[in-house]
C-alpha atoms as a PDB file:
ATOM      1  CA  MET A   1      84.428   7.598  77.607  1.00  0.00           C
ATOM      2  CA  ASN A   2      84.091   4.678  79.982  1.00  0.00           C
ATOM      3  CA  TYR A   3      83.722   1.546  77.817  1.00  0.00           C
ATOM      4  CA  LEU A   4      82.818  -1.766  79.456  1.00  0.00           C
ATOM      5  CA  PHE A   5      84.182  -3.917  76.643  1.00  0.00           C
ATOM      6  CA  SER A   6      84.892  -3.844  72.957  1.00  0.00           C
ATOM      7  CA  THR A   7      84.986  -6.244  70.031  1.00  0.00           C
ATOM      8  CA  GLU A   8      86.697  -5.905  66.670  1.00  0.00           C
ATOM      9  CA  ARG A   9      84.268  -3.240  65.383  1.00  0.00           C
ATOM     10  CA  LEU A  10      82.087  -2.368  68.383  1.00  0.00           C
ATOM     11  CA  GLN A  11      82.354  -0.860  71.849  1.00  0.00           C
ATOM     12  CA  VAL A  12      79.880  -0.998  74.723  1.00  0.00           C
ATOM     13  CA  ARG A  13      79.225   1.774  77.222  1.00  0.00           C
ATOM     14  CA  PRO A  14      76.533   2.895  79.641  1.00  0.00           C
ATOM     15  CA  LEU A  15      73.567   4.657  78.092  1.00  0.00           C
ATOM     16  CA  ASN A  16      73.192   8.382  78.765  1.00  0.00           C
ATOM     17  CA  SER A  17      70.559  11.030  78.130  1.00  0.00           C
ATOM     18  CA  THR A  18      72.094  12.006  74.783  1.00  0.00           C
ATOM     19  CA  ASP A  19      71.220   8.522  73.454  1.00  0.00           C
ATOM     20  CA  LEU A  20      67.475   9.239  73.418  1.00  0.00           C
ATOM     21  CA  ASP A  21      67.196   9.941  69.670  1.00  0.00           C
ATOM     22  CA  ALA A  22      69.151   6.812  68.667  1.00  0.00           C
ATOM     23  CA  LEU A  23      67.230   4.687  71.166  1.00  0.00           C
ATOM     24  CA  HIS A  24      63.906   6.006  69.931  1.00  0.00           C
ATOM     25  CA  LYS A  25      64.827   5.465  66.281  1.00  0.00           C
ATOM     26  CA  MET A  26      65.343   1.808  67.175  1.00  0.00           C
ATOM     27  CA  HIS A  27      62.309   1.373  69.470  1.00  0.00           C
ATOM     28  CA  CYS A  28      59.743   3.138  67.275  1.00  0.00           C
ATOM     29  CA  ASN A  29      60.462   0.776  64.367  1.00  0.00           C
ATOM     30  CA  PRO A  30      57.903  -2.068  64.155  1.00  0.00           C
ATOM     31  CA  ASN A  31      60.467  -4.303  62.415  1.00  0.00           C
ATOM     32  CA  VAL A  32      62.887  -3.964  65.337  1.00  0.00           C
ATOM     33  CA  MET A  33      60.159  -4.566  67.911  1.00  0.00           C
ATOM     34  CA  ARG A  34      58.434  -7.436  66.035  1.00  0.00           C
ATOM     35  CA  TYR A  35      60.006 -10.298  68.009  1.00  0.00           C
ATOM     36  CA  THR A  36      60.540  -8.561  71.352  1.00  0.00           C
ATOM     37  CA  GLY A  37      57.074  -9.205  72.724  1.00  0.00           C
ATOM     38  CA  ASP A  38      56.605  -5.446  72.883  1.00  0.00           C
ATOM     39  CA  SER A  39      55.079  -2.797  70.634  1.00  0.00           C
ATOM     40  CA  PRO A  40      56.838   0.202  69.056  1.00  0.00           C
ATOM     41  CA  LYS A  41      57.513   2.926  71.612  1.00  0.00           C
ATOM     42  CA  THR A  42      56.532   6.572  71.745  1.00  0.00           C
ATOM     43  CA  LEU A  43      59.177   9.188  72.471  1.00  0.00           C
ATOM     44  CA  THR A  44      57.715   9.661  75.969  1.00  0.00           C
ATOM     45  CA  GLU A  45      57.926   5.912  76.657  1.00  0.00           C
ATOM     46  CA  ASP A  46      61.558   5.890  75.545  1.00  0.00           C
ATOM     47  CA  GLN A  47      62.346   8.908  77.735  1.00  0.00           C
ATOM     48  CA  GLU A  48      60.905   7.069  80.745  1.00  0.00           C
ATOM     49  CA  ASN A  49      62.644   3.806  79.815  1.00  0.00           C
ATOM     50  CA  LEU A  50      66.010   5.524  79.349  1.00  0.00           C
ATOM     51  CA  ALA A  51      65.692   7.309  82.702  1.00  0.00           C
ATOM     52  CA  HIS A  52      64.888   3.958  84.360  1.00  0.00           C
ATOM     53  CA  VAL A  53      67.884   2.197  82.777  1.00  0.00           C
ATOM     54  CA  ILE A  54      70.255   5.023  83.750  1.00  0.00           C
ATOM     55  CA  ALA A  55      68.896   5.010  87.332  1.00  0.00           C
ATOM     56  CA  CYS A  56      69.539   1.253  87.547  1.00  0.00           C
ATOM     57  CA  TYR A  57      73.279   1.803  87.003  1.00  0.00           C
ATOM     58  CA  THR A  58      73.659   3.177  90.534  1.00  0.00           C
ATOM     59  CA  LYS A  59      71.119   0.933  92.225  1.00  0.00           C
ATOM     60  CA  PRO A  60      72.671  -1.355  94.873  1.00  0.00           C
ATOM     61  CA  ASN A  61      72.677  -4.993  93.720  1.00  0.00           C
ATOM     62  CA  ASN A  62      71.363  -3.997  90.298  1.00  0.00           C
ATOM     63  CA  ASP A  63      70.539  -6.990  88.108  1.00  0.00           C
ATOM     64  CA  PHE A  64      69.183  -5.071  85.086  1.00  0.00           C
ATOM     65  CA  TRP A  65      71.958  -3.807  82.816  1.00  0.00           C
ATOM     66  CA  VAL A  66      71.264  -2.344  79.367  1.00  0.00           C
ATOM     67  CA  TRP A  67      74.136  -0.663  77.523  1.00  0.00           C
ATOM     68  CA  ALA A  68      74.733   1.262  74.305  1.00  0.00           C
ATOM     69  CA  VAL A  69      76.511  -0.483  71.424  1.00  0.00           C
ATOM     70  CA  GLU A  70      78.604   1.887  69.301  1.00  0.00           C
ATOM     71  CA  ARG A  71      80.616   1.385  66.143  1.00  0.00           C
ATOM     72  CA  LYS A  72      84.268   2.118  66.856  1.00  0.00           C
ATOM     73  CA  SER A  73      84.727   3.706  63.426  1.00  0.00           C
ATOM     74  CA  ASP A  74      82.414   6.667  64.041  1.00  0.00           C
ATOM     75  CA  ARG A  75      81.074   6.233  67.607  1.00  0.00           C
ATOM     76  CA  THR A  76      77.516   5.940  66.265  1.00  0.00           C
ATOM     77  CA  MET A  77      75.116   4.189  68.639  1.00  0.00           C
ATOM     78  CA  ILE A  78      73.687   1.329  66.572  1.00  0.00           C
ATOM     79  CA  GLY A  79      71.926  -0.713  69.249  1.00  0.00           C
ATOM     80  CA  THR A  80      71.870  -1.997  72.789  1.00  0.00           C
ATOM     81  CA  CYS A  81      72.913  -5.132  74.615  1.00  0.00           C
ATOM     82  CA  ALA A  82      71.793  -6.375  78.001  1.00  0.00           C
ATOM     83  CA  LEU A  83      72.688  -8.595  80.921  1.00  0.00           C
ATOM     84  CA  LEU A  84      69.810  -9.132  83.327  1.00  0.00           C
ATOM     85  CA  LYS A  85      68.144 -11.539  85.698  1.00  0.00           C
ATOM     86  CA  THR A  86      65.019 -13.315  84.589  1.00  0.00           C
ATOM     87  CA  ASN A  87      62.118 -12.842  86.993  1.00  0.00           C
ATOM     88  CA  PRO A  88      60.444 -16.173  87.711  1.00  0.00           C
ATOM     89  CA  GLU A  89      59.050 -17.080  91.066  1.00  0.00           C
ATOM     90  CA  PRO A  90      60.573 -18.326  93.270  1.00  0.00           C
ATOM     91  CA  PRO A  91      63.582 -15.974  93.031  1.00  0.00           C
ATOM     92  CA  GLU A  92      66.105 -18.804  93.383  1.00  0.00           C
ATOM     93  CA  GLU A  93      65.061 -19.916  89.894  1.00  0.00           C
ATOM     94  CA  GLN A  94      66.268 -16.647  88.349  1.00  0.00           C
ATOM     95  CA  GLU A  95      68.793 -16.979  85.552  1.00  0.00           C
ATOM     96  CA  ASP A  96      71.317 -14.609  84.010  1.00  0.00           C
ATOM     97  CA  GLU A  97      70.122 -13.676  80.526  1.00  0.00           C
ATOM     98  CA  ILE A  98      71.812 -11.857  77.658  1.00  0.00           C
ATOM     99  CA  GLY A  99      70.127  -9.907  74.901  1.00  0.00           C
ATOM    100  CA  TYR A 100      70.755  -7.421  72.122  1.00  0.00           C
ATOM    101  CA  ARG A 101      68.815  -5.157  69.790  1.00  0.00           C
ATOM    102  CA  PHE A 102      70.000  -3.185  66.756  1.00  0.00           C
ATOM    103  CA  THR A 103      68.603  -0.326  64.694  1.00  0.00           C
ATOM    104  CA  GLU A 104      67.350  -1.762  61.394  1.00  0.00           C
ATOM    105  CA  ASP A 105      69.824   0.324  59.361  1.00  0.00           C
ATOM    106  CA  TYR A 106      72.630  -1.821  60.807  1.00  0.00           C
ATOM    107  CA  TRP A 107      71.129  -5.284  60.301  1.00  0.00           C
ATOM    108  CA  GLY A 108      72.967  -7.761  58.106  1.00  0.00           C
ATOM    109  CA  ASN A 109      76.496  -6.622  59.014  1.00  0.00           C
ATOM    110  CA  GLY A 110      77.359  -9.341  61.542  1.00  0.00           C
ATOM    111  CA  TYR A 111      77.087  -6.935  64.478  1.00  0.00           C
ATOM    112  CA  ALA A 112      74.683  -9.154  66.437  1.00  0.00           C
ATOM    113  CA  SER A 113      77.014 -12.171  66.191  1.00  0.00           C
ATOM    114  CA  GLU A 114      79.954 -10.010  67.197  1.00  0.00           C
ATOM    115  CA  ILE A 115      78.214  -8.437  70.189  1.00  0.00           C
ATOM    116  CA  THR A 116      76.840 -11.787  71.379  1.00  0.00           C
ATOM    117  CA  LYS A 117      80.312 -13.294  71.565  1.00  0.00           C
ATOM    118  CA  GLY A 118      81.669 -10.138  73.235  1.00  0.00           C
ATOM    119  CA  LEU A 119      78.814 -10.017  75.737  1.00  0.00           C
ATOM    120  CA  LEU A 120      79.265 -13.685  76.666  1.00  0.00           C
ATOM    121  CA  ASN A 121      82.988 -13.108  77.211  1.00  0.00           C
ATOM    122  CA  PHE A 122      82.344  -9.965  79.295  1.00  0.00           C
ATOM    123  CA  ALA A 123      79.695 -11.663  81.459  1.00  0.00           C
ATOM    124  CA  PHE A 124      81.903 -14.685  82.164  1.00  0.00           C
ATOM    125  CA  THR A 125      85.269 -12.949  82.616  1.00  0.00           C
ATOM    126  CA  LYS A 126      84.330  -9.560  84.097  1.00  0.00           C
ATOM    127  CA  ARG A 127      81.012 -10.226  85.828  1.00  0.00           C
ATOM    128  CA  ASN A 128      81.837 -13.745  87.077  1.00  0.00           C
ATOM    129  CA  LYS A 129      78.705 -15.340  85.676  1.00  0.00           C
ATOM    130  CA  THR A 130      78.804 -19.135  85.607  1.00  0.00           C
ATOM    131  CA  GLU A 131      75.935 -19.796  83.215  1.00  0.00           C
ATOM    132  CA  LEU A 132      73.991 -17.609  80.794  1.00  0.00           C
ATOM    133  CA  ILE A 133      70.772 -18.040  78.883  1.00  0.00           C
ATOM    134  CA  ALA A 134      69.136 -16.374  75.902  1.00  0.00           C
ATOM    135  CA  GLU A 135      65.547 -16.703  74.731  1.00  0.00           C
ATOM    136  CA  VAL A 136      64.260 -15.896  71.270  1.00  0.00           C
ATOM    137  CA  ASP A 137      61.038 -16.053  69.296  1.00  0.00           C
ATOM    138  CA  GLU A 138      61.458 -18.958  66.859  1.00  0.00           C
ATOM    139  CA  LEU A 139      60.318 -16.676  64.015  1.00  0.00           C
ATOM    140  CA  ASN A 140      63.344 -14.418  64.579  1.00  0.00           C
ATOM    141  CA  LEU A 141      65.465 -16.536  62.257  1.00  0.00           C
ATOM    142  CA  ALA A 142      68.527 -14.263  62.302  1.00  0.00           C
ATOM    143  CA  SER A 143      68.789 -14.417  66.099  1.00  0.00           C
ATOM    144  CA  VAL A 144      68.042 -18.150  66.162  1.00  0.00           C
ATOM    145  CA  LYS A 145      70.983 -18.666  63.792  1.00  0.00           C
ATOM    146  CA  ILE A 146      73.313 -16.587  66.007  1.00  0.00           C
ATOM    147  CA  LEU A 147      72.308 -18.403  69.193  1.00  0.00           C
ATOM    148  CA  GLU A 148      72.602 -21.809  67.510  1.00  0.00           C
ATOM    149  CA  LYS A 149      76.269 -21.018  66.806  1.00  0.00           C
ATOM    150  CA  GLN A 150      77.199 -19.468  70.138  1.00  0.00           C
ATOM    151  CA  MET A 151      75.116 -21.316  72.721  1.00  0.00           C
ATOM    152  CA  ASN A 152      73.426 -24.674  73.297  1.00  0.00           C
ATOM    153  CA  PHE A 153      69.745 -25.259  72.531  1.00  0.00           C
ATOM    154  CA  VAL A 154      67.740 -26.261  75.620  1.00  0.00           C
ATOM    155  CA  LYS A 155      64.078 -26.314  74.655  1.00  0.00           C
ATOM    156  CA  ALA A 156      61.282 -24.911  72.549  1.00  0.00           C
ATOM    157  CA  TYR A 157      58.190 -23.708  74.398  1.00  0.00           C
ATOM    158  CA  PHE A 158      55.162 -21.454  74.158  1.00  0.00           C
ATOM    159  CA  SER A 159      55.642 -18.191  76.045  1.00  0.00           C
ATOM    160  CA  GLU A 160      52.404 -17.201  77.770  1.00  0.00           C
ATOM    161  CA  THR A 161      53.906 -13.774  78.506  1.00  0.00           C
ATOM    162  CA  TYR A 162      54.712 -12.917  74.896  1.00  0.00           C
ATOM    163  CA  GLN A 163      52.235 -15.243  73.168  1.00  0.00           C
ATOM    164  CA  SER A 164      55.004 -16.672  70.992  1.00  0.00           C
ATOM    165  CA  ASN A 165      56.822 -19.921  70.337  1.00  0.00           C
ATOM    166  CA  ASP A 166      60.241 -19.361  71.865  1.00  0.00           C
ATOM    167  CA  ARG A 167      63.570 -21.146  71.973  1.00  0.00           C
ATOM    168  CA  LYS A 168      65.845 -21.195  75.007  1.00  0.00           C
ATOM    169  CA  TYR A 169      69.633 -21.447  74.806  1.00  0.00           C
ATOM    170  CA  THR A 170      72.290 -21.747  77.486  1.00  0.00           C
ATOM    171  CA  ILE A 171      76.047 -21.888  77.853  1.00  0.00           C
ATOM    172  CA  ASP A 172      78.254 -22.255  80.900  1.00  0.00           C
ATOM    173  CA  LYS A 173      81.555 -20.507  81.509  1.00  0.00           C
ATOM    174  CA  ALA A 174      83.748 -23.590  81.047  1.00  0.00           C
ATOM    175  CA  THR A 175      82.135 -24.483  77.716  1.00  0.00           C
ATOM    176  CA  PHE A 176      82.393 -20.911  76.425  1.00  0.00           C
ATOM    177  CA  LEU A 177      86.046 -20.546  77.411  1.00  0.00           C
ATOM    178  CA  ALA A 178      86.934 -23.947  75.920  1.00  0.00           C
ATOM    179  CA  ARG A 179      85.509 -22.815  72.556  1.00  0.00           C
ATOM    180  CA  GLN A 180      87.672 -19.678  72.427  1.00  0.00           C
END
């Protein structure tokens, strides 16, 4: 298996077609999707989404990376993490954003904190990113708490796209590495 990076308990790899059931279990759950700005997905929607993500892996100059997060102990896919470009206009205002999502069965185990730190390290040391952002619905208290610890708060704002009050966080490479 070709892992991109690992943490104490987790390992990250490209998604593949055999991940459909685990991905759908996560995406069809309204609790998981509550703060994503999206609704629960049908199996067909997840099939199409998974095919799109896998196709992006070989796309020249791809800037949309979503990967599987597995537990090392049993190689169970428990979620996803992402590194992508935001899409504002003009394009020169794009930012590198991180994200994660976990199946509800695995909430409350510290996996999101662990993967956030691992993803920041991977993006800065292996993908040569100089600054990263994360955005979160202010009602997603668990993720707000994680980002408060690992990144720097920038601003609170109303997201027209998702119709939610969001919080934006950022961290640059030098600050992240100095904290390690």
